[in-house]
Amino acid sequence: MNSLMKLLASLLLFIFSFLIFGEIDVAESSSQNHPFSGRNKLFVFGDSYVDIGNTNTSDKGAWEYPYGITYPGKPSGRFSDGHISTDFLAQLLRIKLPVNYAKKDDVDMARLQYGMSFAYGGTGVFKTYANYSDMTAQINLFEQLLGNVYSPSDLSSSVALFSVAGNDYITFLAGNHTIFEKLLGIRPLIEKVVNQTEVNLRRIRSLGVKKIAIPSLSPLQYIPLFANSSNPIHYFQGPIKDLVKYHNDLLQKSVAKLNNESNDIDSPFTIIDYYNTFLAIFNNTGEIPGILPFPTPYIECLRDGKLCDDPRSAFFWDGIHLTQEGWKSVYKVLRKDIIAALMPKA
């Protein structure tokens, strides 16, 4: 009877958390996984959209004020004023927030059993800047832990989040090439990025991860970096719309191919539709339940060192990254689709 009461209490808490979805702190502070969640490990690979604190604290950016002013009240290595994509996905799936790879030696083994984040801000599928590795290197770090920290049985209830937010493309377009070279070279680069993404996803699956979520590329033409006419990269705002579509079309085909290769009836690979979700939020005038409109969605809260009056009124935190309120809106829109795709079938 006691176990039944505990299960009922957990179920009530689970339902209640959805009713107050904005209170994401449960992802950070929950002391246990709920037995009905079916997933209890989250492995994160990617860039600043999912990095919860792996970047070096000596670096500028996410470790400097005013990053983190909404949560936890000080910089935490998140590229936002507060919680980001990883926090919301973990909360949505009722998985305790994974440990940062950089902190793996500072916690006990029990804490490692909730998964790990290898994501590092600035990472691309290929090398972007001199001090950054690539996605392959993150998977290498994960593989080194198998058989030591994680066993095959540990991975049987795991989910991976694999974020490619566009650093390869931004780095290329901001590089020392002529405009002609950039326009001519970006399409072959997209093909290389998606092809290597397919290789990386296949490898993660072969290592034992059961469910892998891959966000589509967001509408980069509308992020402040491209929308700001004072930025030289603004000149690519028009072409980037078609190039983002090309990336997402190729990604859809790659994911379909990977699922067809799998003998699993429950498709192991799923795309999280950032592209259409971002657009829906940008165009929202109040018709999406529970989401307040953003009056000027393409304007960042933190610009030229100046902070907006209220980060909750802004979708973008800086030239590339979302505010906590922005990420919360994204995951409210995506909640049903993510649960249907990533939670075990009854």
C-alpha atoms as a PDB file:
ATOM      1  CA  MET A   1       0.000   0.000   0.000  1.00  0.00           C
ATOM      2  CA  ASN A   2       2.839   2.387   0.857  1.00  0.00           C
ATOM      3  CA  SER A   3       4.400   1.879  -2.574  1.00  0.00           C
ATOM      4  CA  LEU A   4       1.034   2.547  -4.221  1.00  0.00           C
ATOM      5  CA  MET A   5       0.625   5.763  -2.263  1.00  0.00           C
ATOM      6  CA  LYS A   6       4.124   6.865  -3.233  1.00  0.00           C
ATOM      7  CA  LEU A   7       3.392   6.179  -6.890  1.00  0.00           C
ATOM      8  CA  LEU A   8       0.140   8.139  -6.665  1.00  0.00           C
ATOM      9  CA  ALA A   9       1.916  11.032  -4.996  1.00  0.00           C
ATOM     10  CA  SER A  10       4.547  11.046  -7.740  1.00  0.00           C
ATOM     11  CA  LEU A  11       1.848  10.996 -10.397  1.00  0.00           C
ATOM     12  CA  LEU A  12       0.083  13.959  -8.813  1.00  0.00           C
ATOM     13  CA  LEU A  13       3.358  15.854  -8.663  1.00  0.00           C
ATOM     14  CA  PHE A  14       4.008  15.050 -12.328  1.00  0.00           C
ATOM     15  CA  ILE A  15       0.585  16.385 -13.369  1.00  0.00           C
ATOM     16  CA  PHE A  16       0.978  19.448 -11.174  1.00  0.00           C
ATOM     17  CA  SER A  17       4.345  20.258 -12.717  1.00  0.00           C
ATOM     18  CA  PHE A  18       2.753  20.418 -16.143  1.00  0.00           C
ATOM     19  CA  LEU A  19       0.060  22.771 -14.875  1.00  0.00           C
ATOM     20  CA  ILE A  20       2.756  25.153 -13.687  1.00  0.00           C
ATOM     21  CA  PHE A  21       5.242  24.410 -16.435  1.00  0.00           C
ATOM     22  CA  GLY A  22       6.983  27.703 -15.983  1.00  0.00           C
ATOM     23  CA  GLU A  23       8.392  26.536 -12.645  1.00  0.00           C
ATOM     24  CA  ILE A  24      11.302  24.670 -14.146  1.00  0.00           C
ATOM     25  CA  ASP A  25      13.346  24.530 -10.928  1.00  0.00           C
ATOM     26  CA  VAL A  26      12.125  20.972 -10.394  1.00  0.00           C
ATOM     27  CA  ALA A  27      14.589  19.867 -13.100  1.00  0.00           C
ATOM     28  CA  GLU A  28      17.422  21.211 -11.025  1.00  0.00           C
ATOM     29  CA  SER A  29      16.328  20.235  -7.542  1.00  0.00           C
ATOM     30  CA  SER A  30      14.444  16.956  -7.902  1.00  0.00           C
ATOM     31  CA  SER A  31      16.055  14.331  -5.686  1.00  0.00           C
ATOM     32  CA  GLN A  32      14.825  11.299  -7.577  1.00  0.00           C
ATOM     33  CA  ASN A  33      13.419  10.133 -10.864  1.00  0.00           C
ATOM     34  CA  HIS A  34       9.790   9.207 -11.048  1.00  0.00           C
ATOM     35  CA  PRO A  35       9.289   5.486 -11.737  1.00  0.00           C
ATOM     36  CA  PHE A  36       6.649   6.049 -14.413  1.00  0.00           C
ATOM     37  CA  SER A  37       8.830   8.349 -16.541  1.00  0.00           C
ATOM     38  CA  GLY A  38      10.468   5.414 -18.345  1.00  0.00           C
ATOM     39  CA  ARG A  39      13.612   7.468 -19.009  1.00  0.00           C
ATOM     40  CA  ASN A  40      16.221   8.219 -16.370  1.00  0.00           C
ATOM     41  CA  LYS A  41      19.353   9.332 -18.217  1.00  0.00           C
ATOM     42  CA  LEU A  42      19.967  12.279 -20.492  1.00  0.00           C
ATOM     43  CA  PHE A  43      23.144  12.625 -22.546  1.00  0.00           C
ATOM     44  CA  VAL A  44      23.686  15.979 -24.214  1.00  0.00           C
ATOM     45  CA  PHE A  45      25.917  16.731 -27.198  1.00  0.00           C
ATOM     46  CA  GLY A  46      26.168  20.088 -28.865  1.00  0.00           C
ATOM     47  CA  ASP A  47      26.664  23.792 -28.568  1.00  0.00           C
ATOM     48  CA  SER A  48      25.586  26.804 -26.547  1.00  0.00           C
ATOM     49  CA  TYR A  49      21.874  26.111 -27.059  1.00  0.00           C
ATOM     50  CA  VAL A  50      22.265  23.097 -24.746  1.00  0.00           C
ATOM     51  CA  ASP A  51      25.464  23.813 -22.764  1.00  0.00           C
ATOM     52  CA  ILE A  52      24.643  24.058 -19.042  1.00  0.00           C
ATOM     53  CA  GLY A  53      28.135  24.968 -17.877  1.00  0.00           C
ATOM     54  CA  ASN A  54      30.980  23.133 -19.596  1.00  0.00           C
ATOM     55  CA  THR A  55      32.780  26.163 -20.986  1.00  0.00           C
ATOM     56  CA  ASN A  56      35.892  27.291 -19.156  1.00  0.00           C
ATOM     57  CA  THR A  57      35.112  29.732 -16.356  1.00  0.00           C
ATOM     58  CA  SER A  58      38.049  31.883 -17.450  1.00  0.00           C
ATOM     59  CA  ASP A  59      36.313  32.559 -20.761  1.00  0.00           C
ATOM     60  CA  LYS A  60      34.085  35.587 -21.174  1.00  0.00           C
ATOM     61  CA  GLY A  61      30.446  35.284 -22.077  1.00  0.00           C
ATOM     62  CA  ALA A  62      28.274  32.857 -20.181  1.00  0.00           C
ATOM     63  CA  TRP A  63      30.351  33.148 -17.008  1.00  0.00           C
ATOM     64  CA  GLU A  64      30.000  36.924 -16.801  1.00  0.00           C
ATOM     65  CA  TYR A  65      27.235  39.157 -15.496  1.00  0.00           C
ATOM     66  CA  PRO A  66      24.415  39.598 -16.494  1.00  0.00           C
ATOM     67  CA  TYR A  67      24.222  35.996 -17.772  1.00  0.00           C
ATOM     68  CA  GLY A  68      22.249  33.946 -15.244  1.00  0.00           C
ATOM     69  CA  ILE A  69      20.440  36.893 -13.649  1.00  0.00           C
ATOM     70  CA  THR A  70      17.056  35.143 -13.822  1.00  0.00           C
ATOM     71  CA  TYR A  71      18.409  31.735 -12.804  1.00  0.00           C
ATOM     72  CA  PRO A  72      20.347  30.979 -10.655  1.00  0.00           C
ATOM     73  CA  GLY A  73      20.899  34.668  -9.951  1.00  0.00           C
ATOM     74  CA  LYS A  74      24.514  34.595 -11.105  1.00  0.00           C
ATOM     75  CA  PRO A  75      26.413  33.284 -14.160  1.00  0.00           C
ATOM     76  CA  SER A  76      26.232  29.481 -14.409  1.00  0.00           C
ATOM     77  CA  GLY A  77      27.791  28.874 -17.812  1.00  0.00           C
ATOM     78  CA  ARG A  78      24.414  28.939 -19.550  1.00  0.00           C
ATOM     79  CA  PHE A  79      24.202  31.252 -22.545  1.00  0.00           C
ATOM     80  CA  SER A  80      21.050  32.940 -21.323  1.00  0.00           C
ATOM     81  CA  ASP A  81      19.586  34.839 -18.413  1.00  0.00           C
ATOM     82  CA  GLY A  82      18.351  31.532 -16.982  1.00  0.00           C
ATOM     83  CA  HIS A  83      17.303  28.014 -17.940  1.00  0.00           C
ATOM     84  CA  ILE A  84      17.890  26.776 -21.480  1.00  0.00           C
ATOM     85  CA  SER A  85      16.856  23.905 -23.743  1.00  0.00           C
ATOM     86  CA  THR A  86      18.529  21.127 -21.718  1.00  0.00           C
ATOM     87  CA  ASP A  87      16.802  22.216 -18.503  1.00  0.00           C
ATOM     88  CA  PHE A  88      13.385  22.228 -20.108  1.00  0.00           C
ATOM     89  CA  LEU A  89      13.810  18.892 -21.882  1.00  0.00           C
ATOM     90  CA  ALA A  90      14.982  17.225 -18.661  1.00  0.00           C
ATOM     91  CA  GLN A  91      12.023  18.635 -16.752  1.00  0.00           C
ATOM     92  CA  LEU A  92       9.609  17.616 -19.473  1.00  0.00           C
ATOM     93  CA  LEU A  93      10.859  14.017 -19.450  1.00  0.00           C
ATOM     94  CA  ARG A  94      11.099  13.937 -15.640  1.00  0.00           C
ATOM     95  CA  ILE A  95      14.844  13.283 -15.819  1.00  0.00           C
ATOM     96  CA  LYS A  96      17.214  14.792 -13.302  1.00  0.00           C
ATOM     97  CA  LEU A  97      19.528  17.324 -14.905  1.00  0.00           C
ATOM     98  CA  PRO A  98      22.692  15.596 -16.179  1.00  0.00           C
ATOM     99  CA  VAL A  99      26.123  16.372 -14.770  1.00  0.00           C
ATOM    100  CA  ASN A 100      28.482  18.540 -16.794  1.00  0.00           C
ATOM    101  CA  TYR A 101      31.448  16.580 -18.133  1.00  0.00           C
ATOM    102  CA  ALA A 102      33.710  19.276 -16.685  1.00  0.00           C
ATOM    103  CA  LYS A 103      32.382  18.455 -13.198  1.00  0.00           C
ATOM    104  CA  LYS A 104      32.287  14.669 -13.467  1.00  0.00           C
ATOM    105  CA  ASP A 105      35.217  14.194 -11.092  1.00  0.00           C
ATOM    106  CA  ASP A 106      33.680  16.475  -8.466  1.00  0.00           C
ATOM    107  CA  VAL A 107      30.530  14.431  -7.813  1.00  0.00           C
ATOM    108  CA  ASP A 108      29.891  10.929  -6.534  1.00  0.00           C
ATOM    109  CA  MET A 109      29.068   8.013  -8.825  1.00  0.00           C
ATOM    110  CA  ALA A 110      25.403   8.056  -7.851  1.00  0.00           C
ATOM    111  CA  ARG A 111      25.034  11.546  -9.276  1.00  0.00           C
ATOM    112  CA  LEU A 112      26.562  10.445 -12.596  1.00  0.00           C
ATOM    113  CA  GLN A 113      23.754   7.947 -13.125  1.00  0.00           C
ATOM    114  CA  TYR A 114      21.404  10.674 -14.336  1.00  0.00           C
ATOM    115  CA  GLY A 115      23.471  11.174 -17.472  1.00  0.00           C
ATOM    116  CA  MET A 116      26.012  13.718 -18.616  1.00  0.00           C
ATOM    117  CA  SER A 117      26.297  16.819 -20.762  1.00  0.00           C
ATOM    118  CA  PHE A 118      29.244  17.050 -23.133  1.00  0.00           C
ATOM    119  CA  ALA A 119      27.898  20.172 -24.850  1.00  0.00           C
ATOM    120  CA  TYR A 120      30.261  23.103 -25.146  1.00  0.00           C
ATOM    121  CA  GLY A 121      29.294  26.575 -26.344  1.00  0.00           C
ATOM    122  CA  GLY A 122      30.688  27.404 -29.784  1.00  0.00           C
ATOM    123  CA  THR A 123      30.953  23.786 -30.936  1.00  0.00           C
ATOM    124  CA  GLY A 124      30.123  22.857 -34.507  1.00  0.00           C
ATOM    125  CA  VAL A 125      29.836  19.572 -36.321  1.00  0.00           C
ATOM    126  CA  PHE A 126      33.328  20.450 -37.511  1.00  0.00           C
ATOM    127  CA  LYS A 127      35.867  22.695 -35.812  1.00  0.00           C
ATOM    128  CA  THR A 128      34.632  26.263 -35.648  1.00  0.00           C
ATOM    129  CA  TYR A 129      37.203  28.296 -33.764  1.00  0.00           C
ATOM    130  CA  ALA A 130      40.715  27.355 -32.700  1.00  0.00           C
ATOM    131  CA  ASN A 131      39.823  26.658 -29.074  1.00  0.00           C
ATOM    132  CA  TYR A 132      36.757  24.544 -29.753  1.00  0.00           C
ATOM    133  CA  SER A 133      36.532  20.848 -30.477  1.00  0.00           C
ATOM    134  CA  ASP A 134      33.811  19.315 -32.630  1.00  0.00           C
ATOM    135  CA  MET A 135      30.845  17.012 -32.131  1.00  0.00           C
ATOM    136  CA  THR A 136      32.930  13.931 -32.882  1.00  0.00           C
ATOM    137  CA  ALA A 137      35.206  14.789 -29.952  1.00  0.00           C
ATOM    138  CA  GLN A 138      32.208  14.999 -27.616  1.00  0.00           C
ATOM    139  CA  ILE A 139      31.077  11.534 -28.679  1.00  0.00           C
ATOM    140  CA  ASN A 140      34.622  10.285 -28.084  1.00  0.00           C
ATOM    141  CA  LEU A 141      34.398  11.520 -24.484  1.00  0.00           C
ATOM    142  CA  PHE A 142      31.102   9.687 -24.072  1.00  0.00           C
ATOM    143  CA  GLU A 143      32.501   6.452 -25.486  1.00  0.00           C
ATOM    144  CA  GLN A 144      35.428   6.595 -23.053  1.00  0.00           C
ATOM    145  CA  LEU A 145      32.969   6.375 -20.162  1.00  0.00           C
ATOM    146  CA  LEU A 146      31.253   3.219 -21.417  1.00  0.00           C
ATOM    147  CA  GLY A 147      32.173   0.099 -19.498  1.00  0.00           C
ATOM    148  CA  ASN A 148      33.470   2.266 -16.694  1.00  0.00           C
ATOM    149  CA  VAL A 149      30.829   4.779 -15.649  1.00  0.00           C
ATOM    150  CA  TYR A 150      27.984   3.529 -17.848  1.00  0.00           C
ATOM    151  CA  SER A 151      27.086  -0.038 -18.772  1.00  0.00           C
ATOM    152  CA  PRO A 152      24.838  -1.228 -21.618  1.00  0.00           C
ATOM    153  CA  SER A 153      21.998  -1.737 -19.158  1.00  0.00           C
ATOM    154  CA  ASP A 154      22.428   1.879 -18.018  1.00  0.00           C
ATOM    155  CA  LEU A 155      21.809   3.066 -21.552  1.00  0.00           C
ATOM    156  CA  SER A 156      18.636   1.045 -22.070  1.00  0.00           C
ATOM    157  CA  SER A 157      16.534   3.874 -20.644  1.00  0.00           C
ATOM    158  CA  SER A 158      18.552   6.764 -22.019  1.00  0.00           C
ATOM    159  CA  VAL A 159      17.813   9.773 -24.206  1.00  0.00           C
ATOM    160  CA  ALA A 160      20.357  11.866 -26.098  1.00  0.00           C
ATOM    161  CA  LEU A 161      19.915  15.479 -27.150  1.00  0.00           C
ATOM    162  CA  PHE A 162      22.072  16.357 -30.163  1.00  0.00           C
ATOM    163  CA  SER A 163      22.135  20.096 -30.892  1.00  0.00           C
ATOM    164  CA  VAL A 164      23.490  21.617 -34.101  1.00  0.00           C
ATOM    165  CA  ALA A 165      22.377  25.251 -33.931  1.00  0.00           C
ATOM    166  CA  GLY A 166      24.407  26.619 -36.839  1.00  0.00           C
ATOM    167  CA  ASN A 167      27.920  27.409 -35.585  1.00  0.00           C
ATOM    168  CA  ASP A 168      29.468  25.834 -38.692  1.00  0.00           C
ATOM    169  CA  TYR A 169      27.500  28.204 -40.917  1.00  0.00           C
ATOM    170  CA  ILE A 170      27.941  31.327 -38.802  1.00  0.00           C
ATOM    171  CA  THR A 171      31.684  30.723 -38.607  1.00  0.00           C
ATOM    172  CA  PHE A 172      31.898  30.270 -42.374  1.00  0.00           C
ATOM    173  CA  LEU A 173      29.820  33.356 -43.196  1.00  0.00           C
ATOM    174  CA  ALA A 174      31.781  35.507 -40.760  1.00  0.00           C
ATOM    175  CA  GLY A 175      35.123  34.268 -42.110  1.00  0.00           C
ATOM    176  CA  ASN A 176      37.644  35.906 -44.408  1.00  0.00           C
ATOM    177  CA  HIS A 177      36.053  34.955 -47.715  1.00  0.00           C
ATOM    178  CA  THR A 178      34.549  37.078 -50.438  1.00  0.00           C
ATOM    179  CA  ILE A 179      30.768  37.287 -50.575  1.00  0.00           C
ATOM    180  CA  PHE A 180      30.880  35.275 -53.796  1.00  0.00           C
ATOM    181  CA  GLU A 181      32.947  32.540 -52.129  1.00  0.00           C
ATOM    182  CA  LYS A 182      30.540  32.423 -49.230  1.00  0.00           C
ATOM    183  CA  LEU A 183      27.459  32.166 -51.412  1.00  0.00           C
ATOM    184  CA  LEU A 184      29.141  29.522 -53.552  1.00  0.00           C
ATOM    185  CA  GLY A 185      30.516  27.515 -50.638  1.00  0.00           C
ATOM    186  CA  ILE A 186      27.678  27.464 -48.122  1.00  0.00           C
ATOM    187  CA  ARG A 187      25.546  24.836 -49.888  1.00  0.00           C
ATOM    188  CA  PRO A 188      28.354  22.220 -50.093  1.00  0.00           C
ATOM    189  CA  LEU A 189      29.118  22.997 -46.443  1.00  0.00           C
ATOM    190  CA  ILE A 190      25.520  22.246 -45.471  1.00  0.00           C
ATOM    191  CA  GLU A 191      25.745  18.884 -47.229  1.00  0.00           C
ATOM    192  CA  LYS A 192      28.968  18.092 -45.354  1.00  0.00           C
ATOM    193  CA  VAL A 193      27.457  19.143 -42.011  1.00  0.00           C
ATOM    194  CA  VAL A 194      24.316  17.032 -42.433  1.00  0.00           C
ATOM    195  CA  ASN A 195      26.255  14.034 -43.747  1.00  0.00           C
ATOM    196  CA  GLN A 196      28.567  14.142 -40.731  1.00  0.00           C
ATOM    197  CA  THR A 197      25.576  14.641 -38.434  1.00  0.00           C
ATOM    198  CA  GLU A 198      24.145  11.401 -39.825  1.00  0.00           C
ATOM    199  CA  VAL A 199      27.432   9.631 -39.081  1.00  0.00           C
ATOM    200  CA  ASN A 200      27.442  11.029 -35.538  1.00  0.00           C
ATOM    201  CA  LEU A 201      23.840  10.060 -34.853  1.00  0.00           C
ATOM    202  CA  ARG A 202      24.407   6.523 -36.118  1.00  0.00           C
ATOM    203  CA  ARG A 203      27.426   6.235 -33.843  1.00  0.00           C
ATOM    204  CA  ILE A 204      25.556   7.415 -30.724  1.00  0.00           C
ATOM    205  CA  ARG A 205      22.844   4.876 -31.437  1.00  0.00           C
ATOM    206  CA  SER A 206      25.416   2.093 -31.941  1.00  0.00           C
ATOM    207  CA  LEU A 207      26.889   2.890 -28.528  1.00  0.00           C
ATOM    208  CA  GLY A 208      23.584   2.000 -26.914  1.00  0.00           C
ATOM    209  CA  VAL A 209      21.488   5.162 -26.562  1.00  0.00           C
ATOM    210  CA  LYS A 210      17.867   4.249 -27.244  1.00  0.00           C
ATOM    211  CA  LYS A 211      16.302   7.607 -28.129  1.00  0.00           C
ATOM    212  CA  ILE A 212      18.008  10.504 -29.862  1.00  0.00           C
ATOM    213  CA  ALA A 213      16.410  13.926 -30.322  1.00  0.00           C
ATOM    214  CA  ILE A 214      17.812  16.279 -32.952  1.00  0.00           C
ATOM    215  CA  PRO A 215      16.484  19.844 -33.137  1.00  0.00           C
ATOM    216  CA  SER A 216      15.998  21.231 -36.606  1.00  0.00           C
ATOM    217  CA  LEU A 217      17.852  24.406 -37.448  1.00  0.00           C
ATOM    218  CA  SER A 218      15.935  27.441 -36.210  1.00  0.00           C
ATOM    219  CA  PRO A 219      15.059  30.267 -38.649  1.00  0.00           C
ATOM    220  CA  LEU A 220      18.506  31.864 -38.491  1.00  0.00           C
ATOM    221  CA  GLN A 221      17.405  34.707 -40.750  1.00  0.00           C
ATOM    222  CA  TYR A 222      15.467  36.123 -37.805  1.00  0.00           C
ATOM    223  CA  ILE A 223      18.024  35.840 -35.028  1.00  0.00           C
ATOM    224  CA  PRO A 224      19.375  39.264 -34.053  1.00  0.00           C
ATOM    225  CA  LEU A 225      22.824  38.428 -35.440  1.00  0.00           C
ATOM    226  CA  PHE A 226      21.368  38.359 -38.961  1.00  0.00           C
ATOM    227  CA  ALA A 227      18.436  40.717 -38.414  1.00  0.00           C
ATOM    228  CA  ASN A 228      20.615  43.560 -37.104  1.00  0.00           C
ATOM    229  CA  SER A 229      21.397  45.728 -40.124  1.00  0.00           C
ATOM    230  CA  SER A 230      24.512  47.154 -38.463  1.00  0.00           C
ATOM    231  CA  ASN A 231      26.169  43.724 -38.475  1.00  0.00           C
ATOM    232  CA  PRO A 232      28.079  42.835 -41.680  1.00  0.00           C
ATOM    233  CA  ILE A 233      26.651  39.318 -41.564  1.00  0.00           C
ATOM    234  CA  HIS A 234      23.207  40.926 -42.024  1.00  0.00           C
ATOM    235  CA  TYR A 235      23.784  40.846 -45.778  1.00  0.00           C
ATOM    236  CA  PHE A 236      23.190  37.096 -45.714  1.00  0.00           C
ATOM    237  CA  GLN A 237      19.735  37.378 -44.128  1.00  0.00           C
ATOM    238  CA  GLY A 238      18.002  36.690 -47.441  1.00  0.00           C
ATOM    239  CA  PRO A 239      20.062  33.711 -48.643  1.00  0.00           C
ATOM    240  CA  ILE A 240      20.192  32.160 -45.181  1.00  0.00           C
ATOM    241  CA  LYS A 241      16.427  31.495 -45.253  1.00  0.00           C
ATOM    242  CA  ASP A 242      16.801  29.120 -48.203  1.00  0.00           C
ATOM    243  CA  LEU A 243      19.958  27.602 -46.763  1.00  0.00           C
ATOM    244  CA  VAL A 244      18.269  26.829 -43.442  1.00  0.00           C
ATOM    245  CA  LYS A 245      15.470  25.142 -45.346  1.00  0.00           C
ATOM    246  CA  TYR A 246      18.036  23.114 -47.294  1.00  0.00           C
ATOM    247  CA  HIS A 247      19.712  21.993 -44.061  1.00  0.00           C
ATOM    248  CA  ASN A 248      16.405  20.949 -42.513  1.00  0.00           C
ATOM    249  CA  ASP A 249      15.258  19.123 -45.641  1.00  0.00           C
ATOM    250  CA  LEU A 250      18.498  17.135 -45.722  1.00  0.00           C
ATOM    251  CA  LEU A 251      18.240  16.459 -41.995  1.00  0.00           C
ATOM    252  CA  GLN A 252      14.712  15.096 -42.423  1.00  0.00           C
ATOM    253  CA  LYS A 253      15.952  12.702 -45.104  1.00  0.00           C
ATOM    254  CA  SER A 254      18.905  11.584 -42.971  1.00  0.00           C
ATOM    255  CA  VAL A 255      16.722  10.911 -39.937  1.00  0.00           C
ATOM    256  CA  ALA A 256      14.217   8.993 -42.048  1.00  0.00           C
ATOM    257  CA  LYS A 257      17.101   6.934 -43.432  1.00  0.00           C
ATOM    258  CA  LEU A 258      18.434   6.203 -39.942  1.00  0.00           C
ATOM    259  CA  ASN A 259      15.022   5.124 -38.689  1.00  0.00           C
ATOM    260  CA  ASN A 260      14.565   2.860 -41.709  1.00  0.00           C
ATOM    261  CA  GLU A 261      17.889   1.222 -40.908  1.00  0.00           C
ATOM    262  CA  SER A 262      16.735   0.460 -37.384  1.00  0.00           C
ATOM    263  CA  ASN A 263      14.933  -2.754 -36.531  1.00  0.00           C
ATOM    264  CA  ASP A 264      13.199  -0.940 -33.682  1.00  0.00           C
ATOM    265  CA  ILE A 265       9.466  -0.468 -34.223  1.00  0.00           C
ATOM    266  CA  ASP A 266       9.664   2.612 -32.005  1.00  0.00           C
ATOM    267  CA  SER A 267      11.746   4.987 -34.140  1.00  0.00           C
ATOM    268  CA  PRO A 268      14.939   5.809 -32.221  1.00  0.00           C
ATOM    269  CA  PHE A 269      15.571   9.153 -33.958  1.00  0.00           C
ATOM    270  CA  THR A 270      13.250  12.129 -33.765  1.00  0.00           C
ATOM    271  CA  ILE A 271      13.498  15.735 -34.940  1.00  0.00           C
ATOM    272  CA  ILE A 272      12.472  18.503 -32.567  1.00  0.00           C
ATOM    273  CA  ASP A 273      10.906  21.111 -34.828  1.00  0.00           C
ATOM    274  CA  TYR A 274      12.587  24.330 -33.727  1.00  0.00           C
ATOM    275  CA  TYR A 275      12.053  25.955 -37.114  1.00  0.00           C
ATOM    276  CA  ASN A 276       8.259  26.047 -37.188  1.00  0.00           C
ATOM    277  CA  THR A 277       8.017  26.442 -33.416  1.00  0.00           C
ATOM    278  CA  PHE A 278      10.138  29.603 -33.457  1.00  0.00           C
ATOM    279  CA  LEU A 279       8.054  31.022 -36.306  1.00  0.00           C
ATOM    280  CA  ALA A 280       4.798  30.229 -34.493  1.00  0.00           C
ATOM    281  CA  ILE A 281       6.042  32.075 -31.418  1.00  0.00           C
ATOM    282  CA  PHE A 282       7.261  35.047 -33.474  1.00  0.00           C
ATOM    283  CA  ASN A 283       3.819  35.312 -35.091  1.00  0.00           C
ATOM    284  CA  ASN A 284       1.862  34.694 -31.900  1.00  0.00           C
ATOM    285  CA  THR A 285      -0.534  37.490 -30.999  1.00  0.00           C
ATOM    286  CA  GLY A 286      -2.177  35.658 -28.134  1.00  0.00           C
ATOM    287  CA  GLU A 287      -3.722  32.655 -29.847  1.00  0.00           C
ATOM    288  CA  ILE A 288      -1.255  30.115 -28.402  1.00  0.00           C
ATOM    289  CA  PRO A 289      -2.539  29.099 -24.950  1.00  0.00           C
ATOM    290  CA  GLY A 290      -0.203  29.919 -22.082  1.00  0.00           C
ATOM    291  CA  ILE A 291       2.298  31.880 -24.144  1.00  0.00           C
ATOM    292  CA  LEU A 292       2.443  35.650 -24.002  1.00  0.00           C
ATOM    293  CA  PRO A 293       3.266  37.466 -27.231  1.00  0.00           C
ATOM    294  CA  PHE A 294       6.727  38.942 -27.626  1.00  0.00           C
ATOM    295  CA  PRO A 295       6.143  42.491 -28.931  1.00  0.00           C
ATOM    296  CA  THR A 296       9.527  42.678 -30.683  1.00  0.00           C
ATOM    297  CA  PRO A 297      10.723  39.063 -30.980  1.00  0.00           C
ATOM    298  CA  TYR A 298      13.793  39.819 -33.103  1.00  0.00           C
ATOM    299  CA  ILE A 299      15.313  42.318 -30.643  1.00  0.00           C
ATOM    300  CA  GLU A 300      17.722  40.941 -28.050  1.00  0.00           C
ATOM    301  CA  CYS A 301      17.492  41.800 -24.360  1.00  0.00           C
ATOM    302  CA  LEU A 302      21.262  42.211 -23.941  1.00  0.00           C
ATOM    303  CA  ARG A 303      22.684  44.471 -26.611  1.00  0.00           C
ATOM    304  CA  ASP A 304      25.898  46.470 -26.632  1.00  0.00           C
ATOM    305  CA  GLY A 305      26.292  45.808 -22.923  1.00  0.00           C
ATOM    306  CA  LYS A 306      22.878  47.275 -22.124  1.00  0.00           C
ATOM    307  CA  LEU A 307      20.163  45.162 -20.514  1.00  0.00           C
ATOM    308  CA  CYS A 308      16.458  45.429 -21.302  1.00  0.00           C
ATOM    309  CA  ASP A 309      14.020  46.272 -18.511  1.00  0.00           C
ATOM    310  CA  ASP A 310      12.560  42.766 -18.224  1.00  0.00           C
ATOM    311  CA  PRO A 311      14.107  39.624 -19.771  1.00  0.00           C
ATOM    312  CA  ARG A 312      10.698  37.931 -19.538  1.00  0.00           C
ATOM    313  CA  SER A 313       9.422  40.256 -22.264  1.00  0.00           C
ATOM    314  CA  ALA A 314      12.174  39.244 -24.692  1.00  0.00           C
ATOM    315  CA  PHE A 315      12.532  36.103 -26.784  1.00  0.00           C
ATOM    316  CA  PHE A 316      16.230  36.585 -27.523  1.00  0.00           C
ATOM    317  CA  TRP A 317      18.771  37.174 -24.786  1.00  0.00           C
ATOM    318  CA  ASP A 318      21.659  38.219 -27.048  1.00  0.00           C
ATOM    319  CA  GLY A 319      22.464  38.082 -30.744  1.00  0.00           C
ATOM    320  CA  ILE A 320      22.061  34.305 -30.957  1.00  0.00           C
ATOM    321  CA  HIS A 321      20.683  32.859 -27.730  1.00  0.00           C
ATOM    322  CA  LEU A 322      17.216  32.751 -26.199  1.00  0.00           C
ATOM    323  CA  THR A 323      16.030  34.051 -22.862  1.00  0.00           C
ATOM    324  CA  GLN A 324      14.619  31.635 -20.308  1.00  0.00           C
ATOM    325  CA  GLU A 325      11.175  32.918 -21.276  1.00  0.00           C
ATOM    326  CA  GLY A 326      11.951  32.212 -24.913  1.00  0.00           C
ATOM    327  CA  TRP A 327      13.000  28.625 -24.207  1.00  0.00           C
ATOM    328  CA  LYS A 328       9.998  28.111 -21.952  1.00  0.00           C
ATOM    329  CA  SER A 329       7.692  29.180 -24.780  1.00  0.00           C
ATOM    330  CA  VAL A 330       9.434  26.842 -27.229  1.00  0.00           C
ATOM    331  CA  TYR A 331       8.993  23.834 -24.956  1.00  0.00           C
ATOM    332  CA  LYS A 332       5.402  24.689 -24.162  1.00  0.00           C
ATOM    333  CA  VAL A 333       4.615  24.519 -27.870  1.00  0.00           C
ATOM    334  CA  LEU A 334       6.640  21.323 -28.322  1.00  0.00           C
ATOM    335  CA  ARG A 335       5.558  19.537 -25.136  1.00  0.00           C
ATOM    336  CA  LYS A 336       3.040  17.084 -26.608  1.00  0.00           C
ATOM    337  CA  ASP A 337       5.200  16.169 -29.594  1.00  0.00           C
ATOM    338  CA  ILE A 338       8.279  15.586 -27.427  1.00  0.00           C
ATOM    339  CA  ILE A 339       6.410  13.391 -24.941  1.00  0.00           C
ATOM    340  CA  ALA A 340       4.882  11.364 -27.772  1.00  0.00           C
ATOM    341  CA  ALA A 341       8.255  10.879 -29.465  1.00  0.00           C
ATOM    342  CA  LEU A 342      10.595  10.313 -26.519  1.00  0.00           C
ATOM    343  CA  MET A 343       8.587   8.658 -23.782  1.00  0.00           C
ATOM    344  CA  PRO A 344       8.261   4.853 -23.925  1.00  0.00           C
ATOM    345  CA  LYS A 345       5.114   3.525 -25.524  1.00  0.00           C
ATOM    346  CA  ALA A 346       2.705   1.839 -23.113  1.00  0.00           C
END
